[in-house]
Structure formats: structure tokens, C-alpha cells
Amino acid sequence: MRNLLELCLFVLCASVAISQTMDSPYLYGIHWYANTDGIAIGQSTDVEDMTAGRGIWVLDIALTDENA
């Protein structure tokens, strides 16, 4: 019984470590309605701030105002 408990604990710890290392380098699966406009060099948009320097794939942009 003790060996089974140790094995379960090991598998749990290993799965947590593996899941953290397998995180995608890209942000995906969100819709973003904030500042995505190009801005001055050296400054970042709201999306770039949210991703903490990770890359993003832009598959579509939802334009929500009448000037679009």
C-alpha cells in the first residue's frame, strides 16, 4: 500500500512539472477588444502587456465600432 501511495505522489508531482514545461509559447483562444492599435516604437499594446512578452497568433480581429 505504501508503494502505491508513493507511486501516485510521484506521478502527480511529475505531471505538474511536465505540464509547466509543455506550455505553449503562444497565447491562444481569446477574443480581445482593447487597444491593439500600432503605437510608438518601444511601447507595447494591451495584448502584448497581457502576454508578458510571449508571441501571439492573430487569427481574426473583431471590429466593434461604426468607423471600422
PDB file of N, CA and C in Angstrom:
ATOM      1  N   MET A   1       0.818  -1.196   0.000  1.00  0.00           N
ATOM      2  CA  MET A   1       0.000   0.000   0.000  1.00  0.00           C
ATOM      3  C   MET A   1       0.865   1.264   0.000  1.00  0.00           C
ATOM      4  N   ARG A   2       1.958   1.231   0.746  1.00  0.00           N
ATOM      5  CA  ARG A   2       2.838   2.398   0.806  1.00  0.00           C
ATOM      6  C   ARG A   2       3.485   2.662  -0.550  1.00  0.00           C
ATOM      7  N   ASN A   3       3.863   1.591  -1.256  1.00  0.00           N
ATOM      8  CA  ASN A   3       4.464   1.766  -2.580  1.00  0.00           C
ATOM      9  C   ASN A   3       3.477   2.403  -3.559  1.00  0.00           C
ATOM     10  N   LEU A   4       2.216   2.027  -3.450  1.00  0.00           N
ATOM     11  CA  LEU A   4       1.193   2.605  -4.315  1.00  0.00           C
ATOM     12  C   LEU A   4       1.017   4.095  -4.030  1.00  0.00           C
ATOM     13  N   LEU A   5       1.009   4.457  -2.769  1.00  0.00           N
ATOM     14  CA  LEU A   5       0.896   5.865  -2.393  1.00  0.00           C
ATOM     15  C   LEU A   5       2.095   6.670  -2.891  1.00  0.00           C
ATOM     16  N   GLU A   6       3.292   6.110  -2.739  1.00  0.00           N
ATOM     17  CA  GLU A   6       4.498   6.792  -3.230  1.00  0.00           C
ATOM     18  C   GLU A   6       4.457   6.941  -4.748  1.00  0.00           C
ATOM     19  N   LEU A   7       3.988   5.907  -5.439  1.00  0.00           N
ATOM     20  CA  LEU A   7       3.893   5.969  -6.895  1.00  0.00           C
ATOM     21  C   LEU A   7       2.889   7.044  -7.326  1.00  0.00           C
ATOM     22  N   CYS A   8       1.741   7.100  -6.673  1.00  0.00           N
ATOM     23  CA  CYS A   8       0.739   8.124  -7.001  1.00  0.00           C
ATOM     24  C   CYS A   8       1.280   9.530  -6.753  1.00  0.00           C
ATOM     25  N   LEU A   9       1.983   9.702  -5.662  1.00  0.00           N
ATOM     26  CA  LEU A   9       2.571  11.003  -5.353  1.00  0.00           C
ATOM     27  C   LEU A   9       3.621  11.388  -6.392  1.00  0.00           C
ATOM     28  N   PHE A  10       4.433  10.432  -6.802  1.00  0.00           N
ATOM     29  CA  PHE A  10       5.451  10.683  -7.820  1.00  0.00           C
ATOM     30  C   PHE A  10       4.803  11.073  -9.150  1.00  0.00           C
ATOM     31  N   VAL A  11       3.774  10.334  -9.559  1.00  0.00           N
ATOM     32  CA  VAL A  11       3.092  10.624 -10.824  1.00  0.00           C
ATOM     33  C   VAL A  11       2.446  12.009 -10.780  1.00  0.00           C
ATOM     34  N   LEU A  12       1.846  12.350  -9.663  1.00  0.00           N
ATOM     35  CA  LEU A  12       1.235  13.669  -9.516  1.00  0.00           C
ATOM     36  C   LEU A  12       2.274  14.780  -9.635  1.00  0.00           C
ATOM     37  N   CYS A  13       3.380  14.637  -8.933  1.00  0.00           N
ATOM     38  CA  CYS A  13       4.437  15.658  -8.995  1.00  0.00           C
ATOM     39  C   CYS A  13       5.048  15.747 -10.386  1.00  0.00           C
ATOM     40  N   ALA A  14       5.257  14.605 -11.022  1.00  0.00           N
ATOM     41  CA  ALA A  14       5.835  14.598 -12.367  1.00  0.00           C
ATOM     42  C   ALA A  14       4.884  15.240 -13.371  1.00  0.00           C
ATOM     43  N   SER A  15       3.592  14.970 -13.248  1.00  0.00           N
ATOM     44  CA  SER A  15       2.643  15.546 -14.202  1.00  0.00           C
ATOM     45  C   SER A  15       2.556  17.063 -14.065  1.00  0.00           C
ATOM     46  N   VAL A  16       2.675  17.573 -12.855  1.00  0.00           N
ATOM     47  CA  VAL A  16       2.679  19.027 -12.654  1.00  0.00           C
ATOM     48  C   VAL A  16       3.913  19.639 -13.304  1.00  0.00           C
ATOM     49  N   ALA A  17       5.067  19.016 -13.111  1.00  0.00           N
ATOM     50  CA  ALA A  17       6.309  19.533 -13.692  1.00  0.00           C
ATOM     51  C   ALA A  17       6.266  19.481 -15.216  1.00  0.00           C
ATOM     52  N   ILE A  18       5.756  18.399 -15.772  1.00  0.00           N
ATOM     53  CA  ILE A  18       5.687  18.257 -17.226  1.00  0.00           C
ATOM     54  C   ILE A  18       4.698  19.258 -17.819  1.00  0.00           C
ATOM     55  N   SER A  19       3.561  19.446 -17.175  1.00  0.00           N
ATOM     56  CA  SER A  19       2.570  20.375 -17.722  1.00  0.00           C
ATOM     57  C   SER A  19       3.086  21.808 -17.744  1.00  0.00           C
ATOM     58  N   GLN A  20       3.943  22.170 -16.811  1.00  0.00           N
ATOM     59  CA  GLN A  20       4.503  23.519 -16.803  1.00  0.00           C
ATOM     60  C   GLN A  20       5.541  23.696 -17.894  1.00  0.00           C
ATOM     61  N   THR A  21       6.283  22.651 -18.222  1.00  0.00           N
ATOM     62  CA  THR A  21       7.303  22.767 -19.266  1.00  0.00           C
ATOM     63  C   THR A  21       6.704  22.657 -20.657  1.00  0.00           C
ATOM     64  N   MET A  22       5.510  22.101 -20.792  1.00  0.00           N
ATOM     65  CA  MET A  22       4.894  21.915 -22.099  1.00  0.00           C
ATOM     66  C   MET A  22       3.968  23.064 -22.474  1.00  0.00           C
ATOM     67  N   ASP A  23       3.976  24.153 -21.728  1.00  0.00           N
ATOM     68  CA  ASP A  23       3.112  25.286 -22.017  1.00  0.00           C
ATOM     69  C   ASP A  23       3.461  25.877 -23.373  1.00  0.00           C
ATOM     70  N   SER A  24       2.462  26.214 -24.121  1.00  0.00           N
ATOM     71  CA  SER A  24       2.671  26.792 -25.440  1.00  0.00           C
ATOM     72  C   SER A  24       3.373  28.144 -25.326  1.00  0.00           C
ATOM     73  N   PRO A  25       4.285  28.448 -26.248  1.00  0.00           N
ATOM     74  CA  PRO A  25       4.930  29.757 -26.229  1.00  0.00           C
ATOM     75  C   PRO A  25       4.009  30.861 -26.755  1.00  0.00           C
ATOM     76  N   TYR A  26       2.817  30.494 -27.216  1.00  0.00           N
ATOM     77  CA  TYR A  26       1.889  31.468 -27.781  1.00  0.00           C
ATOM     78  C   TYR A  26       0.612  31.537 -26.957  1.00  0.00           C
ATOM     79  N   LEU A  27      -0.002  32.690 -26.933  1.00  0.00           N
ATOM     80  CA  LEU A  27      -1.305  32.866 -26.313  1.00  0.00           C
ATOM     81  C   LEU A  27      -2.352  32.562 -27.373  1.00  0.00           C
ATOM     82  N   TYR A  28      -3.351  31.796 -27.020  1.00  0.00           N
ATOM     83  CA  TYR A  28      -4.364  31.442 -27.997  1.00  0.00           C
ATOM     84  C   TYR A  28      -5.713  31.273 -27.316  1.00  0.00           C
ATOM     85  N   GLY A  29      -6.777  31.305 -28.095  1.00  0.00           N
ATOM     86  CA  GLY A  29      -8.102  31.038 -27.582  1.00  0.00           C
ATOM     87  C   GLY A  29      -8.788  32.201 -26.893  1.00  0.00           C
ATOM     88  N   ILE A  30      -8.437  33.440 -27.226  1.00  0.00           N
ATOM     89  CA  ILE A  30      -9.107  34.574 -26.599  1.00  0.00           C
ATOM     90  C   ILE A  30      -9.632  35.517 -27.674  1.00  0.00           C
ATOM     91  N   HIS A  31     -10.586  36.334 -27.291  1.00  0.00           N
ATOM     92  CA  HIS A  31     -11.029  37.461 -28.105  1.00  0.00           C
ATOM     93  C   HIS A  31     -10.638  38.707 -27.333  1.00  0.00           C
ATOM     94  N   TRP A  32     -10.050  39.660 -28.010  1.00  0.00           N
ATOM     95  CA  TRP A  32      -9.502  40.825 -27.329  1.00  0.00           C
ATOM     96  C   TRP A  32     -10.119  42.076 -27.912  1.00  0.00           C
ATOM     97  N   TYR A  33     -10.722  42.905 -27.054  1.00  0.00           N
ATOM     98  CA  TYR A  33     -11.402  44.118 -27.501  1.00  0.00           C
ATOM     99  C   TYR A  33     -10.755  45.371 -26.930  1.00  0.00           C
ATOM    100  N   ALA A  34      -9.504  45.345 -26.651  1.00  0.00           N
ATOM    101  CA  ALA A  34      -8.829  46.507 -26.079  1.00  0.00           C
ATOM    102  C   ALA A  34      -7.920  47.139 -27.124  1.00  0.00           C
ATOM    103  N   ASN A  35      -6.927  47.887 -26.675  1.00  0.00           N
ATOM    104  CA  ASN A  35      -6.031  48.619 -27.561  1.00  0.00           C
ATOM    105  C   ASN A  35      -5.120  47.660 -28.318  1.00  0.00           C
ATOM    106  N   THR A  36      -5.381  47.494 -29.609  1.00  0.00           N
ATOM    107  CA  THR A  36      -4.499  46.689 -30.457  1.00  0.00           C
ATOM    108  C   THR A  36      -3.868  47.544 -31.543  1.00  0.00           C
ATOM    109  N   ASP A  37      -4.065  48.856 -31.472  1.00  0.00           N
ATOM    110  CA  ASP A  37      -3.516  49.764 -32.480  1.00  0.00           C
ATOM    111  C   ASP A  37      -1.999  49.812 -32.394  1.00  0.00           C
ATOM    112  N   GLY A  38      -1.366  50.068 -33.537  1.00  0.00           N
ATOM    113  CA  GLY A  38       0.066  50.278 -33.532  1.00  0.00           C
ATOM    114  C   GLY A  38       0.411  51.540 -32.761  1.00  0.00           C
ATOM    115  N   ILE A  39       1.459  51.491 -31.985  1.00  0.00           N
ATOM    116  CA  ILE A  39       1.862  52.645 -31.185  1.00  0.00           C
ATOM    117  C   ILE A  39       3.345  52.898 -31.384  1.00  0.00           C
ATOM    118  N   ALA A  40       3.870  53.855 -30.684  1.00  0.00           N
ATOM    119  CA  ALA A  40       5.264  54.258 -30.861  1.00  0.00           C
ATOM    120  C   ALA A  40       6.220  53.096 -30.593  1.00  0.00           C
ATOM    121  N   ILE A  41       7.356  53.129 -31.255  1.00  0.00           N
ATOM    122  CA  ILE A  41       8.385  52.107 -31.070  1.00  0.00           C
ATOM    123  C   ILE A  41       8.834  52.094 -29.615  1.00  0.00           C
ATOM    124  N   GLY A  42       8.947  50.897 -29.054  1.00  0.00           N
ATOM    125  CA  GLY A  42       9.368  50.761 -27.666  1.00  0.00           C
ATOM    126  C   GLY A  42       8.221  50.663 -26.684  1.00  0.00           C
ATOM    127  N   GLN A  43       7.007  50.986 -27.129  1.00  0.00           N
ATOM    128  CA  GLN A  43       5.830  50.832 -26.278  1.00  0.00           C
ATOM    129  C   GLN A  43       5.074  49.586 -26.722  1.00  0.00           C
ATOM    130  N   SER A  44       4.231  49.071 -25.847  1.00  0.00           N
ATOM    131  CA  SER A  44       3.501  47.856 -26.191  1.00  0.00           C
ATOM    132  C   SER A  44       1.999  48.083 -26.120  1.00  0.00           C
ATOM    133  N   THR A  45       1.258  47.253 -26.839  1.00  0.00           N
ATOM    134  CA  THR A  45      -0.199  47.315 -26.790  1.00  0.00           C
ATOM    135  C   THR A  45      -0.701  46.553 -25.571  1.00  0.00           C
ATOM    136  N   ASP A  46      -2.014  46.643 -25.315  1.00  0.00           N
ATOM    137  CA  ASP A  46      -2.610  45.907 -24.202  1.00  0.00           C
ATOM    138  C   ASP A  46      -2.414  44.402 -24.357  1.00  0.00           C
ATOM    139  N   VAL A  47      -2.519  43.904 -25.578  1.00  0.00           N
ATOM    140  CA  VAL A  47      -2.350  42.470 -25.814  1.00  0.00           C
ATOM    141  C   VAL A  47      -0.925  42.046 -25.467  1.00  0.00           C
ATOM    142  N   GLU A  48       0.050  42.803 -25.899  1.00  0.00           N
ATOM    143  CA  GLU A  48       1.445  42.468 -25.600  1.00  0.00           C
ATOM    144  C   GLU A  48       1.730  42.541 -24.107  1.00  0.00           C
ATOM    145  N   ASP A  49       1.120  43.492 -23.416  1.00  0.00           N
ATOM    146  CA  ASP A  49       1.275  43.558 -21.960  1.00  0.00           C
ATOM    147  C   ASP A  49       0.695  42.321 -21.295  1.00  0.00           C
ATOM    148  N   MET A  50      -0.457  41.865 -21.777  1.00  0.00           N
ATOM    149  CA  MET A  50      -1.117  40.722 -21.169  1.00  0.00           C
ATOM    150  C   MET A  50      -0.334  39.426 -21.379  1.00  0.00           C
ATOM    151  N   THR A  51       0.372  39.296 -22.494  1.00  0.00           N
ATOM    152  CA  THR A  51       1.076  38.049 -22.776  1.00  0.00           C
ATOM    153  C   THR A  51       2.443  37.981 -22.123  1.00  0.00           C
ATOM    154  N   ALA A  52       2.871  39.025 -21.467  1.00  0.00           N
ATOM    155  CA  ALA A  52       4.167  39.056 -20.773  1.00  0.00           C
ATOM    156  C   ALA A  52       5.320  38.686 -21.701  1.00  0.00           C
ATOM    157  N   GLY A  53       5.307  39.243 -22.903  1.00  0.00           N
ATOM    158  CA  GLY A  53       6.410  39.035 -23.825  1.00  0.00           C
ATOM    159  C   GLY A  53       6.295  37.799 -24.696  1.00  0.00           C
ATOM    160  N   ARG A  54       5.250  37.000 -24.521  1.00  0.00           N
ATOM    161  CA  ARG A  54       5.061  35.817 -25.358  1.00  0.00           C
ATOM    162  C   ARG A  54       4.458  36.239 -26.687  1.00  0.00           C
ATOM    163  N   GLY A  55       4.707  35.469 -27.716  1.00  0.00           N
ATOM    164  CA  GLY A  55       4.149  35.774 -29.021  1.00  0.00           C
ATOM    165  C   GLY A  55       2.657  35.512 -29.066  1.00  0.00           C
ATOM    166  N   ILE A  56       1.965  36.092 -30.033  1.00  0.00           N
ATOM    167  CA  ILE A  56       0.536  35.836 -30.205  1.00  0.00           C
ATOM    168  C   ILE A  56       0.255  35.564 -31.675  1.00  0.00           C
ATOM    169  N   TRP A  57      -0.724  34.722 -31.920  1.00  0.00           N
ATOM    170  CA  TRP A  57      -1.213  34.473 -33.268  1.00  0.00           C
ATOM    171  C   TRP A  57      -2.492  35.278 -33.429  1.00  0.00           C
ATOM    172  N   VAL A  58      -2.556  36.126 -34.434  1.00  0.00           N
ATOM    173  CA  VAL A  58      -3.767  36.896 -34.689  1.00  0.00           C
ATOM    174  C   VAL A  58      -4.512  36.206 -35.828  1.00  0.00           C
ATOM    175  N   LEU A  59      -5.603  35.521 -35.481  1.00  0.00           N
ATOM    176  CA  LEU A  59      -6.384  34.820 -36.485  1.00  0.00           C
ATOM    177  C   LEU A  59      -7.530  35.670 -37.009  1.00  0.00           C
ATOM    178  N   ASP A  60      -8.074  36.498 -36.162  1.00  0.00           N
ATOM    179  CA  ASP A  60      -9.114  37.422 -36.593  1.00  0.00           C
ATOM    180  C   ASP A  60      -9.159  38.589 -35.625  1.00  0.00           C
ATOM    181  N   ILE A  61      -9.670  39.698 -36.104  1.00  0.00           N
ATOM    182  CA  ILE A  61      -9.823  40.882 -35.263  1.00  0.00           C
ATOM    183  C   ILE A  61     -11.288  41.292 -35.334  1.00  0.00           C
ATOM    184  N   ALA A  62     -11.931  41.421 -34.182  1.00  0.00           N
ATOM    185  CA  ALA A  62     -13.329  41.848 -34.125  1.00  0.00           C
ATOM    186  C   ALA A  62     -13.368  43.366 -34.031  1.00  0.00           C
ATOM    187  N   LEU A  63     -13.882  44.010 -35.079  1.00  0.00           N
ATOM    188  CA  LEU A  63     -14.015  45.464 -35.084  1.00  0.00           C
ATOM    189  C   LEU A  63     -15.413  45.795 -34.574  1.00  0.00           C
ATOM    190  N   THR A  64     -15.488  46.566 -33.490  1.00  0.00           N
ATOM    191  CA  THR A  64     -16.773  46.759 -32.825  1.00  0.00           C
ATOM    192  C   THR A  64     -17.349  48.166 -32.938  1.00  0.00           C
ATOM    193  N   ASP A  65     -16.640  49.111 -33.538  1.00  0.00           N
ATOM    194  CA  ASP A  65     -17.209  50.462 -33.637  1.00  0.00           C
ATOM    195  C   ASP A  65     -17.668  50.744 -35.066  1.00  0.00           C
ATOM    196  N   GLU A  66     -18.484  51.779 -35.226  1.00  0.00           N
ATOM    197  CA  GLU A  66     -19.065  52.051 -36.537  1.00  0.00           C
ATOM    198  C   GLU A  66     -18.062  52.603 -37.543  1.00  0.00           C
ATOM    199  N   ASN A  67     -16.868  52.993 -37.107  1.00  0.00           N
ATOM    200  CA  ASN A  67     -15.853  53.527 -38.011  1.00  0.00           C
ATOM    201  C   ASN A  67     -15.016  52.442 -38.666  1.00  0.00           C
ATOM    202  N   ALA A  68     -15.279  51.207 -38.369  1.00  0.00           N
ATOM    203  CA  ALA A  68     -14.460  50.103 -38.884  1.00  0.00           C
ATOM    204  C   ALA A  68     -14.723  49.866 -40.347  1.00  0.00           C
TER     205      ALA A  68
END
